[in-house]
């Protein structure tokens, strides 16, 4: 089992290595399926042994083999996150088909998180990817169609309404993402995830205001918090919901 867990981690790290490519290329309009990876500084085409997740970064001490330019810590961090997410999914679902579905969802959300941090936008291509996974989930998960339809509208429509009242309150990508996530998860888990997202976003906003890293009228990326809330809720949302509702039960 130890060897199997190592294998699962490495598979997750390898997929996350590709997610690094998506994060780098998609906002620039560069094809993610064509062209070998190159150093951003010297443009030298990287060899396969330069691209081993985490290991290559450690062996090269965080620098390009050819020009010595620094490779950011975020590259191995995302790979570590991918490996960890794979382990969490496997531990939660074991050999169920849901493990592949949810792992795929979480990898797309990982790309959305860092692209939104970098650009304050959520690419439509990634929203469509979540939508495709949501359609596939109809045949895999036990979420009812009525729950999916309610989930599609129950958060996205209020967010859209708020945008009519206050222009720019939410980005279009945030609204579209919550809609397809609602269809994937159903309204119960979506509401749990959005509650987590709002709480985390509020805490982060207060921190930025206190440290003077953001002004009151400035915007911050909300997509990463939606992704974090979705991750927690999809894995443990029902447990959280049952624990919360149990607080209101009469003895």
Protein backbone atom coordinates (compact mmCIF):
# COMPACT_ATOMS: atom_id res chain seq x y z
CA UNK A 1 0.00 0.00 0.00
CA UNK A 2 2.89 2.37 0.67
CA UNK A 3 4.18 1.83 -2.86
CA UNK A 4 0.67 2.31 -4.22
CA UNK A 5 0.28 5.59 -2.33
CA UNK A 6 3.62 6.76 -3.73
CA UNK A 7 2.38 5.86 -7.21
CA UNK A 8 -0.87 7.79 -6.67
CA UNK A 9 1.09 10.81 -5.44
CA UNK A 10 3.41 10.74 -8.47
CA UNK A 11 0.47 10.49 -10.88
CA UNK A 12 -1.12 13.51 -9.20
CA UNK A 13 2.15 15.44 -9.32
CA UNK A 14 2.58 14.64 -13.03
CA UNK A 15 -0.94 15.87 -13.82
CA UNK A 16 -0.26 19.01 -11.79
CA UNK A 17 2.93 19.51 -13.81
CA UNK A 18 0.69 19.75 -16.88
CA UNK A 19 -1.58 22.12 -14.94
CA UNK A 20 1.49 24.36 -14.54
CA UNK A 21 1.64 24.50 -18.34
CA UNK A 22 -2.05 25.39 -18.51
CA UNK A 23 -1.61 28.16 -15.93
CA UNK A 24 1.32 29.60 -17.85
CA UNK A 25 0.02 29.30 -21.43
CA UNK A 26 -3.76 29.64 -21.37
CA UNK A 27 -3.90 33.33 -20.34
CA UNK A 28 -1.31 34.10 -23.05
CA UNK A 29 -3.33 32.38 -25.75
CA UNK A 30 -0.58 29.81 -26.35
CA UNK A 31 -1.57 26.25 -27.27
CA UNK A 32 -1.24 23.87 -24.34
CA UNK A 33 -0.95 20.82 -26.58
CA UNK A 34 1.78 21.96 -28.96
CA UNK A 35 5.39 22.82 -28.34
CA UNK A 36 7.82 21.47 -25.77
CA UNK A 37 8.42 23.26 -22.49
CA UNK A 38 11.11 25.93 -22.61
CA UNK A 39 12.89 28.12 -20.10
CA UNK A 40 11.11 31.47 -19.88
CA UNK A 41 14.44 33.31 -19.82
CA UNK A 42 16.84 31.60 -22.26
CA UNK A 43 14.11 29.83 -24.31
CA UNK A 44 16.10 26.58 -24.28
CA UNK A 45 13.94 23.51 -24.84
CA UNK A 46 13.87 21.48 -21.66
CA UNK A 47 14.81 17.80 -21.56
CA UNK A 48 12.61 15.15 -19.97
CA UNK A 49 14.88 14.94 -16.96
CA UNK A 50 14.36 18.67 -16.37
CA UNK A 51 10.63 18.10 -16.03
CA UNK A 52 10.35 15.41 -13.35
CA UNK A 53 7.78 16.81 -10.89
CA UNK A 54 9.35 18.25 -7.72
CA UNK A 55 12.50 16.13 -8.11
CA UNK A 56 13.96 18.18 -10.98
CA UNK A 57 13.37 21.43 -9.11
CA UNK A 58 15.18 20.07 -6.05
CA UNK A 59 18.05 18.61 -8.06
CA UNK A 60 18.51 21.88 -9.97
CA UNK A 61 18.17 23.88 -6.74
CA UNK A 62 15.40 25.95 -8.21
CA UNK A 63 17.37 27.21 -11.22
CA UNK A 64 17.45 26.57 -14.96
CA UNK A 65 20.08 24.02 -15.94
CA UNK A 66 21.10 26.08 -18.98
CA UNK A 67 21.07 29.75 -17.96
CA UNK A 68 20.87 29.62 -14.19
CA UNK A 69 17.73 31.77 -13.99
CA UNK A 70 15.57 31.19 -10.95
CA UNK A 71 12.57 28.86 -11.18
CA UNK A 72 9.79 30.04 -8.88
CA UNK A 73 8.78 28.03 -5.85
CA UNK A 74 5.22 27.96 -7.17
CA UNK A 75 6.12 25.33 -9.79
CA UNK A 76 6.97 22.53 -7.34
CA UNK A 77 4.31 23.80 -4.92
CA UNK A 78 1.57 23.17 -7.50
CA UNK A 79 3.05 19.74 -8.23
CA UNK A 80 3.02 18.93 -4.52
CA UNK A 81 -0.57 20.11 -4.33
CA UNK A 82 -1.49 17.84 -7.24
CA UNK A 83 0.10 14.83 -5.56
CA UNK A 84 -1.58 15.63 -2.26
CA UNK A 85 -4.99 16.08 -3.92
CA UNK A 86 -4.59 12.69 -5.61
CA UNK A 87 -3.87 11.07 -2.24
CA UNK A 88 -6.83 12.80 -0.61
CA UNK A 89 -9.18 11.70 -3.41
CA UNK A 90 -7.94 8.13 -3.29
CA UNK A 91 -8.21 8.01 0.50
CA UNK A 92 -11.76 9.44 0.32
CA UNK A 93 -13.16 7.37 -2.56
CA UNK A 94 -10.69 4.48 -2.95
CA UNK A 95 -11.47 2.61 -6.22
CA UNK A 96 -14.81 4.28 -6.97
CA UNK A 97 -15.18 5.89 -10.44
CA UNK A 98 -15.88 9.12 -8.56
CA UNK A 99 -12.19 9.35 -7.65
CA UNK A 100 -11.19 10.08 -11.26
CA UNK A 101 -14.08 12.48 -11.77
CA UNK A 102 -13.38 14.51 -8.65
CA UNK A 103 -9.63 14.47 -9.18
CA UNK A 104 -10.18 15.86 -12.68
CA UNK A 105 -12.48 18.55 -11.25
CA UNK A 106 -9.95 19.53 -8.60
CA UNK A 107 -7.16 19.79 -11.19
CA UNK A 108 -9.26 22.17 -13.29
CA UNK A 109 -10.05 24.17 -10.14
CA UNK A 110 -6.33 24.28 -9.35
CA UNK A 111 -5.70 25.89 -12.74
CA UNK A 112 -8.59 28.32 -12.22
CA UNK A 113 -7.25 29.31 -8.80
CA UNK A 114 -3.82 30.39 -9.97
CA UNK A 115 -4.97 31.92 -13.26
CA UNK A 116 -7.52 34.03 -11.36
CA UNK A 117 -4.83 35.11 -8.89
CA UNK A 118 -2.55 36.11 -11.78
CA UNK A 119 -5.06 37.72 -14.14
CA UNK A 120 -8.31 38.33 -12.20
CA UNK A 121 -10.08 36.31 -14.91
CA UNK A 122 -11.42 32.77 -15.26
CA UNK A 123 -10.94 31.43 -18.81
CA UNK A 124 -14.10 30.15 -20.50
CA UNK A 125 -12.18 27.05 -21.59
CA UNK A 126 -11.82 25.97 -17.97
CA UNK A 127 -15.45 26.73 -17.15
CA UNK A 128 -16.46 24.60 -20.14
CA UNK A 129 -14.18 21.83 -18.82
CA UNK A 130 -16.04 21.90 -15.50
CA UNK A 131 -19.31 21.82 -17.45
CA UNK A 132 -18.19 18.70 -19.35
CA UNK A 133 -17.25 17.02 -16.07
CA UNK A 134 -20.66 18.01 -14.69
CA UNK A 135 -22.38 16.24 -17.58
CA UNK A 136 -20.21 13.14 -17.06
CA UNK A 137 -21.09 13.20 -13.36
CA UNK A 138 -24.74 12.53 -14.25
CA UNK A 139 -23.73 8.94 -15.03
CA UNK A 140 -21.34 8.53 -12.09
CA UNK A 141 -22.58 10.35 -9.00
CA UNK A 142 -25.91 10.02 -7.20
CA UNK A 143 -26.89 13.71 -7.27
CA UNK A 144 -30.47 13.99 -8.56
CA UNK A 145 -31.29 16.05 -11.64
CA UNK A 146 -33.58 18.37 -9.68
CA UNK A 147 -30.75 19.07 -7.23
CA UNK A 148 -28.46 19.82 -10.18
CA UNK A 149 -30.92 22.21 -11.82
CA UNK A 150 -31.53 24.05 -8.55
CA UNK A 151 -27.76 24.14 -7.99
CA UNK A 152 -27.22 25.66 -11.44
CA UNK A 153 -29.40 28.67 -10.59
CA UNK A 154 -29.48 29.01 -6.78
CA UNK A 155 -26.20 30.93 -6.47
CA UNK A 156 -25.44 32.13 -10.00
CA UNK A 157 -28.75 34.01 -10.37
CA UNK A 158 -28.39 35.95 -7.07
CA UNK A 159 -24.78 36.79 -8.01
CA UNK A 160 -26.00 38.08 -11.39
CA UNK A 161 -28.70 40.12 -9.65
CA UNK A 162 -26.16 41.68 -7.31
CA UNK A 163 -24.09 42.68 -10.35
CA UNK A 164 -27.09 44.62 -11.71
CA UNK A 165 -27.35 46.47 -8.40
CA UNK A 166 -23.60 47.04 -8.03
CA UNK A 167 -21.66 46.87 -11.27
CA UNK A 168 -18.61 44.62 -11.06
CA UNK A 169 -19.55 43.05 -7.73
CA UNK A 170 -18.71 39.66 -9.22
CA UNK A 171 -16.84 38.71 -12.35
CA UNK A 172 -18.62 36.93 -15.19
CA UNK A 173 -16.26 33.99 -14.72
CA UNK A 174 -17.29 33.64 -11.07
CA UNK A 175 -20.98 33.53 -12.04
CA UNK A 176 -20.48 30.96 -14.80
CA UNK A 177 -18.25 28.86 -12.57
CA UNK A 178 -20.81 28.71 -9.74
CA UNK A 179 -23.51 27.71 -12.25
CA UNK A 180 -21.62 24.69 -13.64
CA UNK A 181 -20.38 23.73 -10.18
CA UNK A 182 -23.97 23.78 -8.95
CA UNK A 183 -24.92 21.38 -11.73
CA UNK A 184 -21.97 19.16 -10.79
CA UNK A 185 -22.53 19.12 -7.02
CA UNK A 186 -26.19 19.87 -6.52
CA UNK A 187 -27.48 22.79 -4.51
CA UNK A 188 -26.78 21.38 -1.04
CA UNK A 189 -23.04 20.94 -1.48
CA UNK A 190 -22.79 24.14 -3.54
CA UNK A 191 -24.33 26.18 -0.72
CA UNK A 192 -21.93 24.63 1.79
CA UNK A 193 -19.02 25.40 -0.54
CA UNK A 194 -20.14 28.99 -1.13
CA UNK A 195 -20.55 29.54 2.60
CA UNK A 196 -16.96 28.38 3.12
CA UNK A 197 -15.82 30.55 0.20
CA UNK A 198 -17.51 33.68 1.57
CA UNK A 199 -16.09 33.14 5.07
CA UNK A 200 -12.55 32.59 3.76
CA UNK A 201 -12.81 35.55 1.37
CA UNK A 202 -14.03 37.76 4.20
CA UNK A 203 -11.15 36.75 6.47
CA UNK A 204 -8.64 37.35 3.67
CA UNK A 205 -10.18 40.72 2.80
CA UNK A 206 -9.97 41.85 6.43
CA UNK A 207 -6.33 40.78 6.54
CA UNK A 208 -5.53 42.74 3.38
CA UNK A 209 -7.31 45.82 4.69
CA UNK A 210 -5.56 45.68 8.04
CA UNK A 211 -2.15 45.25 6.38
CA UNK A 212 -2.98 48.02 3.85
CA UNK A 213 -2.42 45.68 0.91
CA UNK A 214 -5.81 46.57 -0.57
CA UNK A 215 -8.17 49.53 -0.45
CA UNK A 216 -11.84 49.29 0.44
CA UNK A 217 -13.12 49.86 -3.11
CA UNK A 218 -10.59 47.57 -4.82
CA UNK A 219 -11.45 44.14 -6.18
CA UNK A 220 -9.84 40.85 -5.30
CA UNK A 221 -10.06 37.49 -7.01
CA UNK A 222 -13.04 35.51 -5.66
CA UNK A 223 -12.48 32.46 -7.88
CA UNK A 224 -9.79 30.90 -5.64
CA UNK A 225 -12.17 30.96 -2.68
CA UNK A 226 -14.93 29.35 -4.75
CA UNK A 227 -12.45 26.62 -5.70
CA UNK A 228 -11.32 26.06 -2.10
CA UNK A 229 -14.92 25.96 -0.87
CA UNK A 230 -15.83 23.50 -3.62
CA UNK A 231 -12.87 21.28 -2.77
CA UNK A 232 -13.82 21.08 0.90
CA UNK A 233 -17.54 20.70 0.26
CA UNK A 234 -17.24 18.03 -2.43
CA UNK A 235 -15.12 15.92 -0.09
CA UNK A 236 -16.72 16.60 3.27
CA UNK A 237 -19.76 18.82 2.63
CA UNK A 238 -22.40 16.31 3.71
CA UNK A 239 -20.53 15.67 6.97
CA UNK A 240 -20.31 19.43 7.58
CA UNK A 241 -23.99 19.91 6.71
CA UNK A 242 -25.16 17.09 9.00
CA UNK A 243 -22.99 18.41 11.85
CA UNK A 244 -24.41 21.90 11.36
CA UNK A 245 -28.05 20.78 11.25
CA UNK A 246 -27.52 18.62 14.33
CA UNK A 247 -26.92 21.81 16.32
CA UNK A 248 -30.62 22.66 15.88
CA UNK A 249 -32.04 19.30 16.86
CA UNK A 250 -34.11 19.26 20.01
CA UNK A 251 -33.07 16.79 22.69
